[in-house]
Amino acid sequence: MTQRVNAFDQPIGAAVPDWTPRPRPQRVTLAGRLCRLEPLDPQRHAADLHAAYTDAPDGRAWTYMASEPFADAAAWRRHAEAMAASEDPLHFAVIDAASGRAVGTLALMRIDPANGVVEVGHVMFSPHLQRTPVSTEAQYLLMRHVFDELGYRRYEWKCDSLNAPSRRTAQRLGFTFEGVFRQAIVTKGRNRDTAWFAIIDGDWPAVRAAFEAWLAPDNFDADGQQRQGLAALREAHSGAARADVQLRPLVAADQAAWLPLWRGYQQFYKVDLGEAQDARTWQRLLDPAEPMHAIGAFDAAGELLGIVHCILHRSTWTEGPYCYLQDLFTVPAARGRGVGRALIEAVYAHAAAQGASRVWWLTHESNAAGRLLYDRVAQNAGFIQYRKSL
């Protein structure tokens, strides 16, 4: 689906013609093979949870939580009662199927049925749950409920930008890093810059398939060690999701489809080059005498999903030419389908065909997910690459 424009030739978002508000999450039980999620009930869960949390060797797990460690079981019970009474956040206890005991909690919060957006938060997993397949299944069960049963469009994860374990977990689970909101809140008398991550409905099929493959019993050996990692499985399924993407150089007939994406790229970087420069850029892309090259990604119906421009430079200080990858942009509806990766791979293939062994690229320093993707593609292609960051 290409970006649309209105009657004033202004770019606007893709139409969502059949959208209706989604149901609010309810207090339901979600069952898996390794665990189940139950609505938090202090009478049933508080004692188990307090015991599980006190098994931690110290209180570091509470550093980035809104609460401090609780002095005793009674204090925790009062807190659990307040959690159970809340509608937003809506708290769930994680029940280990093997022991039948509650070993952690998580919640759906900032619930926005009108727009189909919800955040997972208040994640407090005890040592019995951390870094186990049970913890992964607990996250999967809640995601599956939100996307497949409630039909939401966006599932968010936010954390203190200094909380490195939480950030790593979000990316392992398939969330895309979207940036940092500086001075977002004051908590415990100190500043918090908040890192934002999200999975959208377009990402979900590959994310879900990876979860299901990772959680399958045959993915673990006799010692309980994983055979394949979650990120690797997700990458494999993302590759399958882009199998229908067709890559080719842009031609004169593509100008009308190219222009909204080119302007979308400018908006992302908060620049407006103007109509004259837009026309000049397009002329350079089509001029065989110019070193610029443009590649488009198209779906089976011929709709332009993404673009990338690159420039081949010949230099006296490098062995052979080098390639500058720039102007990568995909339409929102194509994100999470591997289109961006396919375009980057196409640039590396073009560079190799021209005898280049080096690729330069430019992105925001905060674009951790993008930088990681560039690194992975370069490594797979056997290229040397140079980074330039804004």
Protein backbone atom coordinates (compact mmCIF):
# COMPACT_ATOMS: atom_id res chain seq x y z
CA MET A 1 0.00 0.00 0.00
CA THR A 2 1.61 3.26 -1.10
CA GLN A 3 1.44 6.48 0.87
CA ARG A 4 -1.60 8.56 -0.06
CA VAL A 5 -1.94 12.29 -0.69
CA ASN A 6 -4.95 14.53 -0.15
CA ALA A 7 -6.49 17.13 -2.48
CA PHE A 8 -3.71 19.57 -1.53
CA ASP A 9 -0.98 17.09 -2.55
CA GLN A 10 -0.05 16.61 1.09
CA PRO A 11 1.04 13.12 2.21
CA ILE A 12 -1.43 11.39 4.53
CA GLY A 13 -1.53 8.02 6.25
CA ALA A 14 -2.90 4.85 4.71
CA ALA A 15 -6.66 4.44 4.98
CA VAL A 16 -8.05 2.04 7.58
CA PRO A 17 -11.59 1.80 6.18
CA ASP A 18 -12.94 -1.07 8.27
CA TRP A 19 -11.55 0.00 11.61
CA THR A 20 -13.78 -0.11 14.68
CA PRO A 21 -12.85 0.31 18.35
CA ARG A 22 -11.61 -2.88 19.94
CA PRO A 23 -12.84 -4.55 23.15
CA ARG A 24 -11.23 -3.66 26.44
CA PRO A 25 -9.12 -6.46 27.90
CA GLN A 26 -10.94 -8.39 30.59
CA ARG A 27 -9.91 -10.52 33.56
CA VAL A 28 -9.43 -13.78 31.69
CA THR A 29 -7.19 -16.81 32.16
CA LEU A 30 -4.71 -17.52 29.37
CA ALA A 31 -3.29 -21.04 29.32
CA GLY A 32 -0.10 -22.30 27.72
CA ARG A 33 1.99 -25.46 27.94
CA LEU A 34 4.42 -24.13 30.56
CA CYS A 35 2.35 -21.56 32.41
CA ARG A 36 -0.93 -19.76 32.58
CA LEU A 37 -1.86 -16.17 33.25
CA GLU A 38 -4.59 -15.58 35.82
CA PRO A 39 -6.18 -12.30 36.91
CA LEU A 40 -4.26 -11.23 40.00
CA ASP A 41 -6.07 -12.42 43.14
CA PRO A 42 -4.37 -11.51 46.44
CA GLN A 43 -6.10 -14.32 48.30
CA ARG A 44 -4.72 -16.93 45.90
CA HIS A 45 -1.46 -15.36 44.74
CA ALA A 46 -0.07 -12.90 47.29
CA ALA A 47 1.69 -15.44 49.54
CA ASP A 48 3.29 -17.27 46.60
CA LEU A 49 4.47 -14.03 45.02
CA HIS A 50 5.94 -12.64 48.23
CA ALA A 51 7.83 -15.89 48.81
CA ALA A 52 9.09 -15.93 45.22
CA TYR A 53 10.26 -12.32 45.34
CA THR A 54 12.05 -12.74 48.67
CA ASP A 55 14.11 -15.56 47.13
CA ALA A 56 16.06 -12.89 45.23
CA PRO A 57 19.51 -12.31 46.74
CA ASP A 58 19.03 -8.53 46.80
CA GLY A 59 16.60 -5.79 45.77
CA ARG A 60 18.13 -4.82 42.44
CA ALA A 61 15.10 -6.08 40.49
CA TRP A 62 13.08 -3.22 42.04
CA THR A 63 15.46 -0.45 40.93
CA TYR A 64 13.39 0.56 37.91
CA MET A 65 9.98 -0.37 39.34
CA ALA A 66 7.68 2.31 40.77
CA SER A 67 7.78 0.48 44.13
CA GLU A 68 10.58 -0.46 46.48
CA PRO A 69 10.99 -3.98 47.94
CA PHE A 70 8.28 -4.63 50.52
CA ALA A 71 9.25 -4.91 54.17
CA ASP A 72 7.04 -7.89 54.92
CA ALA A 73 4.23 -10.08 53.59
CA ALA A 74 1.55 -7.77 54.96
CA ALA A 75 2.92 -4.77 53.08
CA TRP A 76 3.09 -6.78 49.87
CA ARG A 77 -0.46 -8.05 50.42
CA ARG A 78 -1.77 -4.47 50.68
CA HIS A 79 0.01 -3.57 47.46
CA ALA A 80 -1.36 -6.67 45.72
CA GLU A 81 -4.89 -5.74 46.79
CA ALA A 82 -4.51 -2.32 45.17
CA MET A 83 -3.15 -3.96 42.00
CA ALA A 84 -6.07 -6.41 41.86
CA ALA A 85 -8.60 -3.59 42.18
CA SER A 86 -7.14 -1.68 39.22
CA GLU A 87 -8.79 -1.71 35.78
CA ASP A 88 -5.84 0.02 34.11
CA PRO A 89 -3.25 -1.35 34.68
CA LEU A 90 -4.94 -4.75 34.50
CA HIS A 91 -2.66 -7.14 36.39
CA PHE A 92 -2.08 -10.85 35.79
CA ALA A 93 -0.21 -13.42 37.86
CA VAL A 94 2.09 -15.88 36.07
CA ILE A 95 1.46 -19.43 37.32
CA ASP A 96 4.21 -21.99 36.73
CA ALA A 97 2.40 -25.09 35.40
CA ALA A 98 4.96 -27.45 36.95
CA SER A 99 4.68 -26.14 40.52
CA GLY A 100 1.24 -24.52 40.39
CA ARG A 101 2.68 -21.48 42.17
CA ALA A 102 2.54 -17.80 41.22
CA VAL A 103 6.06 -16.67 40.30
CA GLY A 104 5.59 -13.22 38.76
CA THR A 105 3.22 -10.56 37.48
CA LEU A 106 2.71 -8.41 34.42
CA ALA A 107 -0.06 -6.07 33.28
CA LEU A 108 -1.84 -4.50 30.35
CA MET A 109 -1.87 -0.74 30.79
CA ARG A 110 -2.55 2.56 29.01
CA ILE A 111 -5.39 0.69 27.35
CA ASP A 112 -6.71 2.55 24.28
CA PRO A 113 -9.51 0.53 22.62
CA ALA A 114 -10.42 3.37 20.24
CA ASN A 115 -7.04 3.14 18.54
CA GLY A 116 -6.22 -0.49 19.34
CA VAL A 117 -3.14 0.34 21.38
CA VAL A 118 -2.03 -1.18 24.68
CA GLU A 119 1.19 -1.41 26.68
CA VAL A 120 2.61 -4.34 28.62
CA GLY A 121 4.10 -3.12 31.87
CA HIS A 122 4.60 -3.68 35.59
CA VAL A 123 6.62 -6.75 34.63
CA MET A 124 7.97 -8.19 37.88
CA PHE A 125 9.36 -11.69 37.42
CA SER A 126 10.88 -13.52 40.38
CA PRO A 127 14.16 -15.48 40.18
CA HIS A 128 12.03 -18.62 39.54
CA LEU A 129 10.79 -17.02 36.29
CA GLN A 130 13.64 -14.88 34.99
CA ARG A 131 15.52 -16.19 31.93
CA THR A 132 13.35 -19.32 31.65
CA PRO A 133 11.13 -20.64 28.84
CA VAL A 134 8.20 -20.00 31.20
CA SER A 135 8.89 -16.25 31.15
CA THR A 136 8.96 -16.24 27.34
CA GLU A 137 5.69 -18.13 27.14
CA ALA A 138 4.06 -15.73 29.60
CA GLN A 139 4.94 -12.80 27.31
CA TYR A 140 3.74 -14.71 24.25
CA LEU A 141 0.38 -15.59 25.82
CA LEU A 142 -0.40 -11.94 26.56
CA MET A 143 0.70 -10.78 23.10
CA ARG A 144 -1.36 -13.47 21.41
CA HIS A 145 -4.41 -12.45 23.42
CA VAL A 146 -3.99 -8.79 22.42
CA PHE A 147 -3.41 -9.35 18.70
CA ASP A 148 -5.34 -12.51 17.86
CA GLU A 149 -8.27 -12.33 20.27
CA LEU A 150 -8.75 -8.60 20.85
CA GLY A 151 -7.54 -7.43 17.42
CA TYR A 152 -5.32 -4.57 18.58
CA ARG A 153 -2.96 -2.79 16.17
CA ARG A 154 -0.08 -1.87 18.48
CA TYR A 155 1.55 -3.43 21.55
CA GLU A 156 4.03 -1.26 23.45
CA TRP A 157 6.92 -1.79 25.85
CA LYS A 158 8.43 1.15 27.74
CA CYS A 159 11.21 1.23 30.27
CA ASP A 160 13.80 3.47 31.88
CA SER A 161 16.37 4.15 29.17
CA LEU A 162 19.08 3.08 31.66
CA ASN A 163 17.44 -0.31 32.25
CA ALA A 164 19.70 -2.34 29.96
CA PRO A 165 18.20 -5.78 30.83
CA SER A 166 14.68 -4.54 30.00
CA ARG A 167 15.84 -3.07 26.72
CA ARG A 168 17.56 -6.33 25.75
CA THR A 169 14.47 -8.31 26.68
CA ALA A 170 12.21 -6.10 24.56
CA GLN A 171 14.40 -6.59 21.50
CA ARG A 172 14.75 -10.32 22.10
CA LEU A 173 10.95 -10.62 22.24
CA GLY A 174 10.57 -8.87 18.88
CA PHE A 175 9.81 -5.28 19.86
CA THR A 176 11.21 -2.54 17.64
CA PHE A 177 13.04 0.33 19.34
CA GLU A 178 11.35 3.63 18.47
CA GLY A 179 13.36 6.19 20.43
CA VAL A 180 13.83 7.83 23.82
CA PHE A 181 11.45 10.35 25.39
CA ARG A 182 13.73 12.59 27.44
CA GLN A 183 12.65 13.65 30.93
CA ALA A 184 9.42 11.72 30.50
CA ILE A 185 8.62 11.32 34.20
CA VAL A 186 9.96 11.82 37.71
CA THR A 187 10.01 8.58 39.67
CA LYS A 188 11.36 7.94 43.15
CA GLY A 189 12.62 11.52 43.15
CA ARG A 190 14.78 11.09 40.06
CA ASN A 191 14.51 11.72 36.34
CA ARG A 192 13.53 8.98 33.93
CA ASP A 193 14.17 9.11 30.22
CA THR A 194 11.84 6.50 28.73
CA ALA A 195 12.81 4.11 25.93
CA TRP A 196 9.89 3.18 23.67
CA PHE A 197 9.48 -0.14 21.87
CA ALA A 198 6.51 -1.58 19.99
CA ILE A 199 5.18 -4.49 17.96
CA ILE A 200 2.47 -3.65 15.43
CA ASP A 201 -0.01 -5.96 13.80
CA GLY A 202 2.09 -6.11 10.64
CA ASP A 203 5.03 -7.41 12.69
CA TRP A 204 2.95 -9.95 14.57
CA PRO A 205 2.80 -12.89 12.10
CA ALA A 206 6.59 -13.30 12.03
CA VAL A 207 6.88 -12.62 15.78
CA ARG A 208 4.16 -15.17 16.57
CA ALA A 209 5.66 -17.83 14.29
CA ALA A 210 9.06 -17.38 15.96
CA PHE A 211 7.55 -17.70 19.45
CA GLU A 212 5.73 -20.88 18.50
CA ALA A 213 8.83 -22.42 16.94
CA TRP A 214 11.00 -21.45 19.92
CA LEU A 215 8.52 -22.76 22.51
CA ALA A 216 8.07 -26.11 20.74
CA PRO A 217 9.42 -29.01 22.85
CA ASP A 218 11.73 -30.15 20.06
CA ASN A 219 13.59 -26.82 20.21
CA PHE A 220 15.15 -27.92 23.50
CA ASP A 221 17.70 -30.66 24.07
CA ALA A 222 17.73 -33.22 26.89
CA ASP A 223 19.36 -30.66 29.20
CA GLY A 224 16.70 -28.05 28.46
CA GLN A 225 19.02 -25.90 26.34
CA GLN A 226 17.56 -24.15 23.31
CA ARG A 227 18.57 -25.43 19.89
CA GLN A 228 17.72 -22.18 18.08
CA GLY A 229 17.44 -18.69 19.53
CA LEU A 230 14.27 -16.63 19.38
CA ALA A 231 15.88 -13.80 17.39
CA ALA A 232 17.27 -16.21 14.78
CA LEU A 233 13.89 -17.86 14.36
CA ARG A 234 12.19 -14.51 14.00
CA GLU A 235 14.70 -13.46 11.36
CA ALA A 236 14.00 -16.67 9.44
CA HIS A 237 10.26 -16.08 9.56
CA SER A 238 10.70 -12.43 8.58
CA GLY A 239 12.61 -13.65 5.55
CA ALA A 240 9.69 -15.86 4.63
CA ALA A 241 7.34 -12.91 5.08
CA ARG A 242 9.26 -10.91 2.45
CA ALA A 243 9.32 -13.72 -0.11
CA ASP A 244 6.70 -11.90 -2.19
CA VAL A 245 8.74 -8.66 -2.35
CA GLN A 246 10.10 -7.88 -5.81
CA LEU A 247 13.19 -5.68 -6.13
CA ARG A 248 14.16 -3.75 -9.26
CA PRO A 249 15.71 -0.42 -10.29
CA LEU A 250 13.25 2.44 -10.49
CA VAL A 251 12.23 3.63 -13.97
CA ALA A 252 10.56 6.78 -15.29
CA ALA A 253 7.07 5.35 -14.82
CA ASP A 254 7.71 5.00 -11.06
CA GLN A 255 8.01 8.73 -10.36
CA ALA A 256 4.47 9.22 -9.03
CA ALA A 257 4.88 6.32 -6.59
CA TRP A 258 8.44 7.34 -5.64
CA LEU A 259 7.65 10.94 -4.71
CA PRO A 260 5.51 10.29 -1.58
CA LEU A 261 8.16 7.91 -0.20
CA TRP A 262 10.94 10.39 -0.93
CA ARG A 263 8.98 13.09 0.91
CA GLY A 264 8.25 10.69 3.74
CA TYR A 265 12.00 10.17 4.08
CA GLN A 266 12.50 13.94 4.27
CA GLN A 267 9.81 14.26 6.93
CA PHE A 268 11.52 11.56 9.02
CA TYR A 269 14.73 13.63 9.00
CA LYS A 270 12.75 16.87 9.49
CA VAL A 271 13.88 18.51 6.25
CA ASP A 272 12.03 19.90 3.23
CA LEU A 273 14.22 20.09 0.15
CA GLY A 274 11.50 21.66 -1.99
CA GLU A 275 9.95 20.72 -5.31
CA ALA A 276 12.92 21.83 -7.40
CA GLN A 277 15.33 19.59 -5.49
CA ASP A 278 12.82 16.73 -5.60
CA ALA A 279 12.75 17.02 -9.39
CA ARG A 280 16.54 17.27 -9.58
CA THR A 281 16.96 14.17 -7.38
CA TRP A 282 14.64 12.17 -9.62
CA GLN A 283 16.53 13.30 -12.73
CA ARG A 284 19.84 12.23 -11.20
CA LEU A 285 18.43 8.83 -10.24
CA LEU A 286 17.47 8.14 -13.86
CA ASP A 287 20.53 9.68 -15.52
CA PRO A 288 22.94 6.86 -16.56
CA ALA A 289 25.81 9.36 -16.38
CA GLU A 290 25.19 9.95 -12.68
CA PRO A 291 26.65 7.61 -10.02
CA MET A 292 23.28 7.45 -8.24
CA HIS A 293 21.20 4.28 -8.31
CA ALA A 294 17.63 3.79 -7.04
CA ILE A 295 16.03 0.48 -6.08
CA GLY A 296 12.38 -0.09 -5.31
CA ALA A 297 10.62 -2.89 -3.44
CA PHE A 298 7.24 -3.84 -4.91
CA ASP A 299 4.52 -6.20 -3.77
CA ALA A 300 2.84 -8.76 -6.02
CA ALA A 301 0.28 -6.16 -7.14
CA GLY A 302 3.02 -3.73 -8.21
CA GLU A 303 2.60 -1.32 -5.31
CA LEU A 304 5.81 0.43 -4.22
CA LEU A 305 6.61 -0.55 -0.62
CA GLY A 306 10.04 1.01 -0.15
CA ILE A 307 12.94 2.81 -1.78
CA VAL A 308 16.68 3.12 -1.31
CA HIS A 309 19.19 5.33 -3.11
CA CYS A 310 22.91 4.68 -3.31
CA ILE A 311 25.89 6.42 -4.83
CA LEU A 312 29.00 4.71 -6.14
CA HIS A 313 32.17 6.72 -5.41
CA ARG A 314 35.59 6.16 -6.88
CA SER A 315 38.40 7.33 -4.64
CA THR A 316 42.19 7.49 -4.69
CA TRP A 317 42.41 6.51 -1.01
CA THR A 318 40.47 3.25 -1.14
CA GLU A 319 41.12 0.08 -3.03
CA GLY A 320 38.42 0.21 -5.63
CA PRO A 321 35.12 2.08 -5.38
CA TYR A 322 32.93 2.39 -2.31
CA CYS A 323 29.16 2.73 -2.08
CA TYR A 324 27.16 5.23 -0.02
CA LEU A 325 23.76 3.83 1.06
CA GLN A 326 21.24 6.61 1.67
CA ASP A 327 17.58 7.58 1.53
CA LEU A 328 16.10 4.29 2.77
CA PHE A 329 12.37 4.54 3.44
CA THR A 330 9.46 2.07 3.59
CA VAL A 331 5.75 2.74 3.82
CA PRO A 332 4.28 2.08 7.31
CA ALA A 333 2.15 -0.82 6.08
CA ALA A 334 5.29 -2.66 4.89
CA ARG A 335 7.27 -2.41 8.12
CA GLY A 336 7.96 -5.65 9.88
CA ARG A 337 7.81 -7.57 6.61
CA GLY A 338 11.54 -7.54 5.88
CA VAL A 339 11.26 -4.90 3.13
CA GLY A 340 13.96 -2.67 4.62
CA ARG A 341 16.35 -5.57 4.98
CA ALA A 342 15.70 -6.67 1.40
CA LEU A 343 16.51 -3.16 0.15
CA ILE A 344 19.74 -3.03 2.16
CA GLU A 345 20.74 -6.43 0.78
CA ALA A 346 20.04 -5.13 -2.73
CA VAL A 347 22.42 -2.21 -2.18
CA TYR A 348 25.17 -4.59 -1.06
CA ALA A 349 24.55 -6.74 -4.13
CA HIS A 350 24.76 -3.65 -6.37
CA ALA A 351 27.97 -2.56 -4.62
CA ALA A 352 29.52 -6.00 -5.10
CA ALA A 353 28.58 -6.03 -8.78
CA GLN A 354 30.39 -2.70 -9.19
CA GLY A 355 33.52 -3.98 -7.48
CA ALA A 356 33.01 -2.10 -4.19
CA SER A 357 34.04 -3.65 -0.91
CA ARG A 358 33.01 -0.78 1.36
CA VAL A 359 29.61 0.69 2.14
CA TRP A 360 28.95 3.91 4.00
CA TRP A 361 25.59 4.73 5.55
CA LEU A 362 23.96 7.43 7.63
CA THR A 363 21.30 7.13 10.33
CA HIS A 364 20.24 8.61 13.66
CA GLU A 365 22.49 7.57 16.55
CA SER A 366 19.34 6.57 18.48
CA ASN A 367 18.29 4.14 15.73
CA ALA A 368 19.66 1.07 17.52
CA ALA A 369 17.48 -1.39 15.60
CA GLY A 370 18.52 0.09 12.27
CA ARG A 371 22.22 0.07 13.13
CA LEU A 372 21.98 -3.56 14.22
CA LEU A 373 20.27 -4.48 10.94
CA TYR A 374 22.94 -2.74 8.87
CA ASP A 375 25.63 -4.55 10.83
CA ARG A 376 24.05 -7.95 10.33
CA VAL A 377 23.52 -7.51 6.61
CA ALA A 378 27.08 -6.25 6.14
CA GLN A 379 28.50 -9.20 8.06
CA ASN A 380 26.47 -11.67 6.03
CA ALA A 381 27.57 -10.00 2.79
CA GLY A 382 31.23 -9.92 3.82
CA PHE A 383 31.49 -6.13 3.52
CA ILE A 384 33.50 -3.52 5.33
CA GLN A 385 31.21 -0.69 6.33
CA TYR A 386 31.53 2.78 7.80
CA ARG A 387 28.96 4.46 9.99
CA LYS A 388 27.98 8.09 10.07
CA SER A 389 25.51 9.12 12.75
CA LEU A 390 23.37 12.17 13.29
